[in-house]
């Protein structure tokens, strides 16, 4: 969007205890949190993963109806407050169950993203269908991309966003405390390697796992990271919004300071990856070249 490259604004995360199946209660929490952030000047809000219902094994028609109604209320709130809001919720389409994120802005739906990587350790792949398309949208707040939780472990996906010039990557999540250090490390790494802001919103509270009903504990620890990798806002276990200033000019500055895009070697990457991925639906194990262990010759 013309002129957005130099825009400065405030973005927020709203981490809270997403209660399974309690859609109206979750909506009330989100509404109050967004209003508070708007009063503090936020123009962009990122919510946790599956904010309307949390994870349901087999959502009923009533579950989906209430979730859709909550999303519509959020859409109307974005119009009232002139805000952009990003979060994921359940979607059922043609009998398939997706984890879908949408970008709402001032009463309009700017884009939809279905989570690509299912978290198999929690049996997400048993109940849900993976998406297949990334989402990049030019908005009044810059070029924005979306991934969901486990997606952040796959740099193949986030590197696509780098090549598309994404300036802000939104990450709704339900990331457990057992691997909280991974969460902090990965969202910071994605910001550094892709020279973009990363807004990671993680939930708090506890919930039974899909696989075996053992309790997951969620630490919150939502963070906003700048293109240098600096943490410019961080939460603990509270349910209050965190807010930080986003300056899209900083993305441009990082591209000038470290011209990673210009220094890439695409031909070398093709030689490495094409033999692995070509002519097969499954990745092949790469062949490790033999290293010549002969004694090197020393020139005098």
Protein backbone atom coordinates (compact mmCIF):
# COMPACT_ATOMS: atom_id res chain seq x y z
CA UNK A 1 0.00 0.00 0.00
CA UNK A 2 1.60 3.32 -1.07
CA UNK A 3 3.08 5.31 1.79
CA UNK A 4 2.89 2.50 4.35
CA UNK A 5 6.66 1.90 4.26
CA UNK A 6 7.27 4.78 6.67
CA UNK A 7 4.21 4.34 8.88
CA UNK A 8 4.57 4.24 12.66
CA UNK A 9 1.81 2.86 14.89
CA UNK A 10 1.18 0.80 18.03
CA UNK A 11 0.50 -2.94 18.00
CA UNK A 12 -0.71 -5.14 20.84
CA UNK A 13 -1.11 -8.75 22.00
CA UNK A 14 -3.99 -9.88 24.19
CA UNK A 15 -3.06 -13.09 25.98
CA UNK A 16 -5.76 -14.64 28.16
CA UNK A 17 -7.08 -17.98 29.41
CA UNK A 18 -8.99 -19.29 26.40
CA UNK A 19 -11.73 -21.44 27.94
CA UNK A 20 -12.67 -24.54 25.95
CA UNK A 21 -16.20 -24.23 24.55
CA UNK A 22 -16.94 -21.01 26.48
CA UNK A 23 -17.30 -18.81 23.42
CA UNK A 24 -19.35 -16.01 24.95
CA UNK A 25 -17.00 -15.72 27.92
CA UNK A 26 -13.96 -15.66 25.62
CA UNK A 27 -15.60 -12.97 23.50
CA UNK A 28 -16.28 -10.84 26.58
CA UNK A 29 -12.61 -11.08 27.58
CA UNK A 30 -11.44 -10.18 24.08
CA UNK A 31 -13.87 -7.27 23.78
CA UNK A 32 -12.71 -5.74 27.07
CA UNK A 33 -9.03 -6.27 26.19
CA UNK A 34 -9.34 -4.73 22.73
CA UNK A 35 -11.18 -1.71 24.08
CA UNK A 36 -8.45 -1.20 26.68
CA UNK A 37 -5.72 -1.47 24.04
CA UNK A 38 -7.57 0.95 21.74
CA UNK A 39 -7.73 3.49 24.56
CA UNK A 40 -3.95 3.15 24.84
CA UNK A 41 -3.57 3.91 21.13
CA UNK A 42 -3.19 0.43 19.62
CA UNK A 43 -4.19 0.07 15.96
CA UNK A 44 -3.33 -3.63 15.57
CA UNK A 45 -4.26 -6.45 17.95
CA UNK A 46 -3.15 -10.10 17.77
CA UNK A 47 -5.16 -12.70 19.70
CA UNK A 48 -4.26 -16.26 20.76
CA UNK A 49 -4.85 -19.34 18.65
CA UNK A 50 -8.44 -20.68 18.59
CA UNK A 51 -9.56 -17.72 20.70
CA UNK A 52 -13.29 -18.40 20.40
CA UNK A 53 -13.50 -22.03 21.58
CA UNK A 54 -9.97 -23.34 22.11
CA UNK A 55 -9.37 -26.84 20.68
CA UNK A 56 -12.38 -29.10 20.25
CA UNK A 57 -12.02 -32.66 19.00
CA UNK A 58 -15.23 -32.63 16.97
CA UNK A 59 -17.01 -29.27 17.06
CA UNK A 60 -20.78 -29.42 16.81
CA UNK A 61 -22.91 -27.23 14.58
CA UNK A 62 -23.73 -25.15 17.64
CA UNK A 63 -20.02 -24.74 18.48
CA UNK A 64 -19.36 -23.40 14.98
CA UNK A 65 -22.45 -21.19 15.00
CA UNK A 66 -21.40 -19.56 18.28
CA UNK A 67 -17.79 -19.22 17.11
CA UNK A 68 -18.89 -17.57 13.86
CA UNK A 69 -21.13 -15.21 15.82
CA UNK A 70 -18.17 -14.25 18.05
CA UNK A 71 -16.01 -13.58 15.01
CA UNK A 72 -18.78 -11.40 13.53
CA UNK A 73 -18.95 -9.43 16.78
CA UNK A 74 -15.18 -8.96 16.58
CA UNK A 75 -15.50 -7.77 12.99
CA UNK A 76 -18.03 -5.17 14.10
CA UNK A 77 -15.78 -4.12 16.99
CA UNK A 78 -12.89 -3.59 14.57
CA UNK A 79 -15.17 -1.28 12.59
CA UNK A 80 -16.25 0.66 15.68
CA UNK A 81 -12.71 1.12 16.98
CA UNK A 82 -11.03 1.45 13.55
CA UNK A 83 -8.64 -1.36 14.49
CA UNK A 84 -7.05 -4.33 12.80
CA UNK A 85 -7.45 -7.64 14.67
CA UNK A 86 -5.87 -11.02 13.90
CA UNK A 87 -6.69 -14.31 15.62
CA UNK A 88 -7.61 -17.89 14.76
CA UNK A 89 -10.85 -19.81 15.29
CA UNK A 90 -12.38 -23.11 14.17
CA UNK A 91 -13.79 -23.43 10.67
CA UNK A 92 -15.80 -26.30 9.21
CA UNK A 93 -16.04 -26.39 5.42
CA UNK A 94 -17.22 -29.31 3.24
CA UNK A 95 -17.01 -31.58 6.25
CA UNK A 96 -13.41 -30.63 7.00
CA UNK A 97 -12.24 -28.96 10.21
CA UNK A 98 -9.64 -26.18 9.93
CA UNK A 99 -7.78 -23.86 12.28
CA UNK A 100 -8.43 -20.57 10.48
CA UNK A 101 -6.95 -17.13 11.11
CA UNK A 102 -8.46 -14.02 9.62
CA UNK A 103 -7.39 -10.39 9.39
CA UNK A 104 -10.21 -8.03 10.33
CA UNK A 105 -9.70 -4.34 9.64
CA UNK A 106 -12.28 -1.61 10.22
CA UNK A 107 -15.16 -3.99 9.56
CA UNK A 108 -13.65 -5.79 6.55
CA UNK A 109 -12.06 -9.23 6.19
CA UNK A 110 -8.71 -8.65 4.47
CA UNK A 111 -7.51 -12.24 4.35
CA UNK A 112 -7.86 -15.80 5.59
CA UNK A 113 -5.14 -18.30 6.54
CA UNK A 114 -5.56 -21.97 7.46
CA UNK A 115 -2.88 -23.45 9.71
CA UNK A 116 -0.57 -25.55 7.54
CA UNK A 117 1.35 -27.62 10.09
CA UNK A 118 -0.72 -29.80 12.41
CA UNK A 119 0.85 -30.44 15.81
CA UNK A 120 0.89 -34.24 15.72
CA UNK A 121 2.19 -34.68 19.31
CA UNK A 122 -1.21 -33.37 20.42
CA UNK A 123 -3.14 -35.29 17.72
CA UNK A 124 -4.19 -32.18 15.80
CA UNK A 125 -3.59 -34.16 12.61
CA UNK A 126 -6.16 -36.72 13.79
CA UNK A 127 -8.98 -34.18 14.01
CA UNK A 128 -8.08 -31.26 11.75
CA UNK A 129 -7.21 -30.67 8.10
CA UNK A 130 -4.06 -28.71 7.23
CA UNK A 131 -4.20 -25.67 5.01
CA UNK A 132 -1.90 -25.27 2.03
CA UNK A 133 -1.58 -21.55 1.28
CA UNK A 134 0.33 -18.78 3.07
CA UNK A 135 -1.27 -15.37 3.55
CA UNK A 136 0.34 -12.06 2.61
CA UNK A 137 -1.79 -8.91 2.62
CA UNK A 138 -0.92 -5.30 1.85
CA UNK A 139 -2.71 -3.21 4.47
CA UNK A 140 -2.75 0.32 5.80
CA UNK A 141 -0.40 -0.97 8.56
CA UNK A 142 2.11 -2.51 6.18
CA UNK A 143 2.56 -5.84 4.46
CA UNK A 144 1.35 -8.47 6.93
CA UNK A 145 1.76 -12.25 6.98
CA UNK A 146 0.16 -14.81 9.29
CA UNK A 147 1.29 -18.16 10.69
CA UNK A 148 -0.22 -20.11 13.58
CA UNK A 149 1.71 -21.57 16.54
CA UNK A 150 3.50 -24.78 15.38
CA UNK A 151 4.03 -23.19 11.93
CA UNK A 152 6.80 -21.10 13.48
CA UNK A 153 9.01 -24.21 13.69
CA UNK A 154 9.10 -24.45 9.87
CA UNK A 155 11.47 -21.86 8.35
CA UNK A 156 10.53 -23.07 4.86
CA UNK A 157 7.18 -21.32 5.38
CA UNK A 158 8.37 -18.17 7.09
CA UNK A 159 11.11 -17.69 4.49
CA UNK A 160 8.37 -17.38 1.90
CA UNK A 161 7.15 -14.34 3.80
CA UNK A 162 10.64 -12.85 3.70
CA UNK A 163 10.73 -13.20 -0.09
CA UNK A 164 7.31 -11.52 -0.24
CA UNK A 165 8.59 -8.51 1.70
CA UNK A 166 6.42 -9.05 4.78
CA UNK A 167 7.03 -6.36 7.39
CA UNK A 168 4.90 -7.74 10.24
CA UNK A 169 4.38 -11.45 10.96
CA UNK A 170 1.44 -12.24 13.27
CA UNK A 171 1.60 -15.49 15.26
CA UNK A 172 -1.53 -16.52 17.23
CA UNK A 173 -0.50 -19.45 19.47
CA UNK A 174 -1.27 -21.96 22.19
CA UNK A 175 2.31 -22.87 23.12
CA UNK A 176 2.85 -24.94 26.30
CA UNK A 177 5.12 -23.98 29.15
CA UNK A 178 7.18 -27.18 28.76
CA UNK A 179 8.76 -25.67 25.62
CA UNK A 180 8.49 -21.97 26.48
CA UNK A 181 12.17 -21.44 25.77
CA UNK A 182 11.63 -22.74 22.23
CA UNK A 183 8.80 -20.22 21.79
CA UNK A 184 10.96 -17.31 22.85
CA UNK A 185 13.88 -18.45 20.71
CA UNK A 186 11.91 -19.26 17.57
CA UNK A 187 9.89 -16.06 17.33
CA UNK A 188 13.07 -14.05 17.87
CA UNK A 189 14.92 -16.10 15.25
CA UNK A 190 12.11 -15.56 12.72
CA UNK A 191 12.35 -11.79 13.27
CA UNK A 192 16.14 -11.74 12.86
CA UNK A 193 16.42 -13.98 9.82
CA UNK A 194 13.48 -12.38 7.99
CA UNK A 195 14.17 -8.79 9.06
CA UNK A 196 10.58 -8.17 10.10
CA UNK A 197 8.51 -7.53 13.18
CA UNK A 198 7.07 -10.65 14.79
CA UNK A 199 4.02 -10.36 17.04
CA UNK A 200 3.57 -13.62 18.94
CA UNK A 201 0.44 -13.89 21.08
CA UNK A 202 0.31 -16.95 23.34
CA UNK A 203 -2.48 -17.93 25.73
CA UNK A 204 -2.33 -18.48 29.49
CA UNK A 205 -4.11 -21.04 31.71
CA UNK A 206 -4.37 -24.83 31.59
CA UNK A 207 -6.26 -27.22 29.32
CA UNK A 208 -6.53 -30.95 28.69
CA UNK A 209 -4.61 -32.23 25.68
CA UNK A 210 -6.48 -33.57 22.65
CA UNK A 211 -4.42 -36.76 22.70
CA UNK A 212 -4.90 -37.94 26.27
CA UNK A 213 -6.51 -35.16 28.39
CA UNK A 214 -3.28 -34.58 30.33
CA UNK A 215 -3.12 -30.93 31.32
CA UNK A 216 -1.13 -28.48 29.25
CA UNK A 217 0.03 -25.39 31.12
CA UNK A 218 0.35 -22.24 29.02
CA UNK A 219 2.71 -19.48 30.21
CA UNK A 220 1.60 -16.54 28.08
CA UNK A 221 4.98 -14.98 27.41
CA UNK A 222 3.59 -13.06 24.43
CA UNK A 223 6.22 -10.94 22.72
CA UNK A 224 6.70 -8.28 20.11
CA UNK A 225 10.09 -8.50 18.41
CA UNK A 226 11.60 -5.89 16.10
CA UNK A 227 13.58 -6.63 12.90
CA UNK A 228 16.87 -6.47 14.84
CA UNK A 229 15.66 -9.23 17.17
CA UNK A 230 15.13 -6.91 20.12
CA UNK A 231 12.20 -7.70 22.43
CA UNK A 232 10.25 -4.43 22.51
CA UNK A 233 7.32 -5.75 24.57
CA UNK A 234 6.95 -8.90 26.67
CA UNK A 235 4.23 -10.31 28.89
CA UNK A 236 4.33 -12.72 31.82
CA UNK A 237 1.35 -14.76 32.97
CA UNK A 238 -1.15 -11.89 33.22
CA UNK A 239 -4.16 -11.30 30.99
CA UNK A 240 -3.45 -7.66 30.20
CA UNK A 241 -2.52 -6.41 26.69
CA UNK A 242 1.08 -5.60 25.85
CA UNK A 243 1.76 -2.76 23.41
CA UNK A 244 4.78 -1.65 21.39
CA UNK A 245 5.53 0.84 18.65
CA UNK A 246 5.93 -0.52 15.13
CA UNK A 247 8.04 1.57 12.75
CA UNK A 248 8.03 0.13 9.24
CA UNK A 249 11.03 2.32 8.38
CA UNK A 250 13.03 0.03 10.68
CA UNK A 251 12.45 -2.86 8.28
CA UNK A 252 13.90 -0.77 5.46
CA UNK A 253 16.88 0.16 7.63
CA UNK A 254 17.66 -3.49 8.37
CA UNK A 255 17.58 -4.32 4.65
CA UNK A 256 20.17 -1.58 4.05
CA UNK A 257 22.38 -2.50 7.00
CA UNK A 258 22.31 -6.24 6.26
CA UNK A 259 21.44 -6.78 2.56
CA UNK A 260 20.50 -10.42 3.03
CA UNK A 261 18.12 -10.44 0.09
CA UNK A 262 20.79 -9.19 -2.32
CA UNK A 263 23.42 -11.58 -0.94
CA UNK A 264 21.36 -14.74 -1.42
CA UNK A 265 22.62 -17.50 -3.74
CA UNK A 266 19.48 -18.99 -5.34
CA UNK A 267 21.40 -21.23 -7.77
CA UNK A 268 23.18 -22.93 -4.90
CA UNK A 269 19.90 -23.44 -3.06
CA UNK A 270 18.32 -25.02 -6.14
CA UNK A 271 21.21 -27.46 -6.43
CA UNK A 272 20.76 -28.41 -2.79
CA UNK A 273 16.97 -28.69 -2.61
CA UNK A 274 15.73 -29.80 -6.02
CA UNK A 275 17.24 -33.31 -5.80
CA UNK A 276 15.57 -33.71 -2.40
CA UNK A 277 12.08 -32.57 -3.36
CA UNK A 278 11.71 -33.41 -7.05
CA UNK A 279 9.68 -36.35 -8.40
CA UNK A 280 8.31 -37.32 -5.01
CA UNK A 281 5.54 -36.33 -2.64
CA UNK A 282 7.86 -37.08 0.25
CA UNK A 283 11.19 -35.37 0.94
CA UNK A 284 14.20 -37.51 0.18
CA UNK A 285 17.10 -37.89 2.56
CA UNK A 286 19.92 -35.75 1.18
CA UNK A 287 23.15 -37.42 0.20
CA UNK A 288 26.04 -36.14 2.30
CA UNK A 289 29.10 -35.56 0.09
CA UNK A 290 32.25 -37.52 0.91
CA UNK A 291 34.99 -35.38 2.36
CA UNK A 292 38.47 -35.91 0.96
CA UNK A 293 40.61 -36.59 4.02
CA UNK A 294 43.92 -36.57 2.15
CA UNK A 295 46.67 -34.55 3.77
CA UNK A 296 46.53 -31.05 2.35
CA UNK A 297 49.48 -29.71 0.41
CA UNK A 298 51.16 -26.70 1.94
CA UNK A 299 52.53 -24.08 -0.43
CA UNK A 300 55.80 -22.41 0.46
